[in-house]
Protein backbone atom coordinates (compact mmCIF):
# COMPACT_ATOMS: atom_id res chain seq x y z
CA MET A 1 -0.57 0.40 8.08
CA VAL A 2 2.47 -1.67 8.96
CA ALA A 3 2.70 -5.04 6.81
CA ILE A 4 5.17 -7.66 5.81
CA PRO A 5 5.77 -7.38 2.23
CA ARG A 6 5.05 -10.83 1.15
CA MET A 7 2.47 -12.55 -1.37
CA GLY A 8 0.24 -10.16 -2.30
CA THR A 9 0.79 -7.63 0.34
CA ILE A 10 3.71 -6.33 -1.42
CA ASP A 11 1.75 -5.67 -4.72
CA ILE A 12 -1.27 -3.82 -3.01
CA LEU A 13 0.59 -2.36 -0.25
CA GLY A 14 3.35 -0.23 -1.69
CA PRO A 15 4.99 2.94 -1.72
CA GLY A 16 2.40 6.19 -1.49
CA LEU A 17 -0.53 3.87 -0.41
CA GLY A 18 -0.41 4.35 3.24
CA CYS A 19 1.93 1.48 4.23
CA ARG A 20 5.20 0.48 5.53
CA HIS A 21 6.79 -2.55 5.13
CA ALA A 22 8.90 -4.40 7.91
CA PRO A 23 10.94 -7.37 8.26
CA ASN A 24 9.20 -10.77 8.84
CA ASP A 25 10.47 -11.04 12.52
CA ARG A 26 9.15 -9.74 15.74
CA LYS A 27 11.92 -7.26 16.41
CA GLY A 28 12.07 -5.82 13.03
CA PHE A 29 8.37 -5.28 12.88
CA ALA A 30 8.34 -3.70 16.12
CA GLU A 31 11.12 -1.20 15.30
CA VAL A 32 9.06 -0.16 12.26
CA VAL A 33 5.83 0.58 14.63
CA SER A 34 7.71 1.95 17.11
CA GLY A 35 9.35 4.19 14.46
CA LEU A 36 6.36 5.40 13.50
CA LEU A 37 4.52 6.15 16.95
CA ALA A 38 7.51 7.87 17.61
CA ASP A 39 7.56 10.59 14.30
CA GLY A 40 4.22 11.97 14.46
CA SER A 41 4.92 13.81 10.88
CA ALA A 42 5.34 10.30 9.31
CA LEU A 43 2.59 8.93 10.85
CA SER A 44 0.26 11.64 10.07
CA ALA A 45 2.00 11.15 6.46
CA LEU A 46 1.05 7.93 6.20
CA GLY A 47 -2.53 8.23 7.43
CA ALA A 48 -3.19 10.94 4.94
CA GLN A 49 -2.01 8.24 2.27
CA ALA A 50 -4.43 5.76 3.66
CA ARG A 51 -7.35 7.82 3.15
CA ALA A 52 -10.54 5.47 2.44
CA GLU A 53 -10.75 7.47 -0.92
CA THR A 54 -7.89 5.24 -2.43
CA TRP A 55 -9.46 1.92 -1.52
CA ALA A 56 -13.12 3.18 -2.41
CA SER A 57 -14.59 0.13 -4.44
CA ILE A 58 -15.09 2.37 -7.40
CA LYS A 59 -11.71 3.24 -7.37
CA MET A 60 -10.62 -0.10 -7.04
CA ALA A 61 -12.94 -1.01 -9.84
CA GLN A 62 -11.54 1.73 -12.25
CA ARG A 63 -8.12 0.36 -11.69
CA LEU A 64 -8.79 -3.40 -12.25
CA ALA A 65 -10.43 -2.22 -15.85
CA ALA A 66 -7.11 0.11 -16.49
CA LEU A 67 -5.44 -3.04 -15.90
CA TYR A 68 -7.49 -5.33 -18.09
CA ALA A 69 -7.53 -3.03 -20.65
CA SER A 70 -3.89 -2.56 -20.72
CA LEU A 71 -3.66 -6.63 -21.06
CA THR A 72 -5.75 -6.64 -24.03
CA PRO A 73 -4.17 -7.89 -27.71
CA ALA A 74 -5.63 -3.97 -28.81
CA ALA A 75 -4.11 -2.21 -26.28
CA ARG A 76 -0.49 -3.25 -27.09
CA ARG A 77 -0.96 -2.50 -30.82
């Protein structure tokens, strides 16, 4: 995936999660996409990172629960 790193996108789609960030302009975005299409190994690696298991609802729920647990007062002691 190629995305513009704005708002929540930059927090959700970071390194190692199957995403490349692109500039917020047509030329820069096209250059990132073209670069990936020209580099089969980079494209395959990006695809492997973005497998559905990463985004499965159980995984997302576990990550959210861990975040909430880390924010509770008991976790900070």
